[in-house]
Amino acid sequence: MAVNLQEFGGSATVMTRRRRVAWLVILIADVGLLLWGAMAALVPERLPGPASAPILAAGYESFTRRSWQELVDTSPMTAEFIRLLFRLYGAYIVAFGLLAIAVTVAAFRRGHGWAWWALLIGNTIAFGAAMRYDWIAGAVGPFEMSEYVGIAGIYAALAITTPVVAQRTTLQLPHQQPL
């Protein structure tokens, strides 16, 4: 028989305290990702990249070894298409961020097991895609390092609230008959 420690007068279980910290860490990281996505979708030319250069131009220049301005001058529609794709990527990050925030606040905070898995998989994909773009484009700067800090915080928060750890926070009383 599993008995919750709160039934014996405890103020809060260890897992409840861990989850309280964890959901705030995850919320902060996902709000940060949402804000990054919003900037990418709305004003990509103002989203800072390495050396505070706009991330789109910095990524293009690092990847192609050519000037962004040269592309804009010689092939403005190609540059506009690249900008459109970057904006679309930002919109997808916003959509993910909104969903992750909703799952964090509404389900993870209450201890729903499916939410733990959804946040692990979803954040791995969303943060991983952003970090992979940075690696491929060769555009990793101080601002992009926040992605690493964010995913590390999320992984740490999920590690202290894993479903296996949650099972260990209940007290098993052997040989006790139900009342």
Protein backbone atom coordinates (compact mmCIF):
# COMPACT_ATOMS: atom_id res chain seq x y z
CA MET A 1 0.00 0.00 0.00
CA ALA A 2 1.42 3.40 -0.98
CA VAL A 3 0.79 6.23 1.45
CA ASN A 4 1.45 9.85 0.67
CA LEU A 5 3.67 11.43 3.32
CA GLN A 6 1.29 14.42 3.53
CA GLU A 7 -1.30 12.16 5.15
CA PHE A 8 0.96 11.91 8.18
CA GLY A 9 1.05 15.64 8.84
CA GLY A 10 3.98 16.58 6.61
CA SER A 11 3.82 20.12 5.25
CA ALA A 12 4.74 19.12 1.69
CA THR A 13 6.29 16.12 0.07
CA VAL A 14 9.79 16.33 -1.29
CA MET A 15 8.36 15.88 -4.80
CA THR A 16 5.91 18.74 -4.36
CA ARG A 17 8.74 21.08 -3.40
CA ARG A 18 10.88 19.83 -6.28
CA ARG A 19 8.04 20.24 -8.74
CA ARG A 20 7.40 23.80 -7.50
CA VAL A 21 11.00 24.75 -8.32
CA ALA A 22 11.06 22.71 -11.52
CA TRP A 23 7.97 24.21 -13.11
CA LEU A 24 9.29 27.73 -12.51
CA VAL A 25 12.65 26.87 -14.12
CA ILE A 26 10.90 25.30 -17.12
CA LEU A 27 8.52 28.25 -17.39
CA ILE A 28 11.38 30.77 -17.44
CA ALA A 29 13.28 28.81 -20.10
CA ASP A 30 10.21 28.39 -22.32
CA VAL A 31 9.22 32.06 -21.97
CA GLY A 32 12.75 32.93 -23.09
CA LEU A 33 12.43 30.64 -26.11
CA LEU A 34 9.01 32.13 -26.91
CA LEU A 35 10.47 35.66 -26.83
CA TRP A 36 13.32 34.57 -29.12
CA GLY A 37 10.78 33.07 -31.53
CA ALA A 38 8.67 36.22 -31.45
CA MET A 39 11.69 38.34 -32.34
CA ALA A 40 12.65 35.91 -35.13
CA ALA A 41 9.11 36.04 -36.51
CA LEU A 42 8.53 39.78 -36.19
CA VAL A 43 11.91 41.51 -36.42
CA PRO A 44 14.62 39.06 -37.51
CA GLU A 45 16.89 41.92 -38.55
CA ARG A 46 17.01 43.05 -34.90
CA LEU A 47 17.56 39.64 -33.32
CA PRO A 48 21.16 39.72 -32.06
CA GLY A 49 23.60 37.02 -33.03
CA PRO A 50 27.37 36.69 -32.63
CA ALA A 51 29.10 40.00 -31.91
CA SER A 52 25.64 41.60 -31.69
CA ALA A 53 25.24 41.34 -35.47
CA PRO A 54 21.74 40.40 -36.66
CA ILE A 55 21.46 36.61 -36.43
CA LEU A 56 20.09 36.17 -39.94
CA ALA A 57 22.94 38.09 -41.57
CA ALA A 58 25.55 36.54 -39.25
CA GLY A 59 24.30 33.04 -39.98
CA TYR A 60 24.21 33.59 -43.73
CA GLU A 61 27.67 35.15 -43.81
CA SER A 62 29.22 32.45 -41.65
CA PHE A 63 27.61 29.64 -43.64
CA THR A 64 28.28 30.99 -47.16
CA ARG A 65 31.37 33.12 -46.50
CA ARG A 66 29.60 35.87 -48.45
CA SER A 67 28.09 39.16 -47.44
CA TRP A 68 24.38 39.37 -46.58
CA GLN A 69 24.29 42.83 -48.12
CA GLU A 70 25.76 41.40 -51.33
CA LEU A 71 22.89 38.88 -51.43
CA VAL A 72 20.33 41.61 -50.79
CA ASP A 73 21.83 43.74 -53.58
CA THR A 74 22.23 40.98 -56.19
CA SER A 75 19.24 38.79 -55.40
CA PRO A 76 16.70 40.62 -53.26
CA MET A 77 13.98 37.98 -53.73
CA THR A 78 16.33 35.23 -52.52
CA ALA A 79 17.16 37.31 -49.45
CA GLU A 80 13.46 37.94 -48.88
CA PHE A 81 12.72 34.22 -49.19
CA ILE A 82 15.42 33.40 -46.59
CA ARG A 83 13.93 36.08 -44.32
CA LEU A 84 10.46 34.55 -44.83
CA LEU A 85 11.72 31.07 -43.86
CA PHE A 86 13.42 32.48 -40.77
CA ARG A 87 10.21 34.28 -39.79
CA LEU A 88 8.25 31.06 -40.25
CA TYR A 89 10.74 29.22 -38.04
CA GLY A 90 10.23 31.94 -35.42
CA ALA A 91 6.46 31.48 -35.66
CA TYR A 92 6.85 27.74 -35.04
CA ILE A 93 8.98 28.49 -31.99
CA VAL A 94 6.26 30.85 -30.71
CA ALA A 95 3.63 28.14 -31.20
CA PHE A 96 5.80 25.62 -29.36
CA GLY A 97 6.54 28.13 -26.60
CA LEU A 98 2.86 28.80 -26.00
CA LEU A 99 2.09 25.09 -25.88
CA ALA A 100 5.05 24.35 -23.57
CA ILE A 101 4.04 27.15 -21.22
CA ALA A 102 0.45 25.86 -21.11
CA VAL A 103 1.61 22.30 -20.39
CA THR A 104 4.01 23.53 -17.71
CA VAL A 105 1.48 25.70 -15.91
CA ALA A 106 -1.61 23.52 -16.30
CA ALA A 107 -0.36 19.93 -16.16
CA PHE A 108 3.29 19.59 -15.13
CA ARG A 109 2.79 21.79 -12.10
CA ARG A 110 0.02 19.44 -10.94
CA GLY A 111 2.16 16.34 -11.41
CA HIS A 112 0.64 14.80 -14.53
CA GLY A 113 3.11 12.22 -15.82
CA TRP A 114 2.34 12.80 -19.51
CA ALA A 115 3.36 16.46 -19.09
CA TRP A 116 6.85 15.43 -17.95
CA TRP A 117 7.31 13.42 -21.15
CA ALA A 118 5.78 16.13 -23.35
CA LEU A 119 8.16 18.74 -21.92
CA LEU A 120 11.18 16.46 -22.25
CA ILE A 121 10.49 15.59 -25.89
CA GLY A 122 9.14 18.99 -26.95
CA ASN A 123 11.92 21.04 -25.39
CA THR A 124 14.57 18.69 -26.73
CA ILE A 125 13.22 19.21 -30.25
CA ALA A 126 12.61 22.97 -29.97
CA PHE A 127 15.85 23.92 -28.22
CA GLY A 128 17.75 21.32 -30.24
CA ALA A 129 16.53 22.80 -33.53
CA ALA A 130 17.61 26.29 -32.49
CA MET A 131 21.02 25.06 -31.36
CA ARG A 132 21.46 22.96 -34.49
CA TYR A 133 20.74 25.99 -36.68
CA ASP A 134 23.43 27.89 -34.80
CA TRP A 135 25.96 25.07 -35.32
CA ILE A 136 25.17 24.58 -39.01
CA ALA A 137 25.20 28.30 -39.74
CA GLY A 138 28.29 28.82 -37.59
CA ALA A 139 26.51 31.59 -35.72
CA VAL A 140 27.04 30.87 -32.03
CA GLY A 141 27.46 33.90 -29.82
CA PRO A 142 26.64 34.96 -26.27
CA PHE A 143 22.90 35.28 -26.96
CA GLU A 144 22.79 31.78 -28.45
CA MET A 145 24.45 30.43 -25.32
CA SER A 146 21.17 31.17 -23.51
CA GLU A 147 19.71 28.21 -25.42
CA TYR A 148 22.25 25.94 -23.72
CA VAL A 149 21.49 27.43 -20.32
CA GLY A 150 17.75 27.05 -20.97
CA ILE A 151 17.86 23.40 -21.99
CA ALA A 152 20.29 22.58 -19.16
CA GLY A 153 17.86 24.14 -16.68
CA ILE A 154 14.96 22.21 -18.18
CA TYR A 155 16.88 18.92 -18.06
CA ALA A 156 17.87 19.57 -14.43
CA ALA A 157 14.26 20.42 -13.53
CA LEU A 158 12.99 17.28 -15.24
CA ALA A 159 15.73 15.18 -13.62
CA ILE A 160 14.59 16.08 -10.10
CA THR A 161 10.97 15.32 -10.98
CA THR A 162 11.29 12.15 -13.07
CA PRO A 163 8.39 9.73 -12.76
CA VAL A 164 10.82 7.24 -11.13
CA VAL A 165 11.79 9.80 -8.48
CA ALA A 166 8.10 10.61 -7.94
CA GLN A 167 7.41 6.97 -7.06
CA ARG A 168 10.16 7.04 -4.43
CA THR A 169 8.56 9.97 -2.59
CA THR A 170 5.69 7.82 -1.36
CA LEU A 171 6.09 5.67 1.71
CA GLN A 172 5.63 1.95 1.20
CA LEU A 173 4.22 0.27 4.30
CA PRO A 174 4.58 -3.50 3.95
CA HIS A 175 2.18 -5.93 5.57
CA GLN A 176 -0.46 -3.33 6.34
CA GLN A 177 -4.03 -4.17 5.54
CA PRO A 178 -6.35 -1.54 4.03
CA LEU A 179 -8.70 0.04 6.52
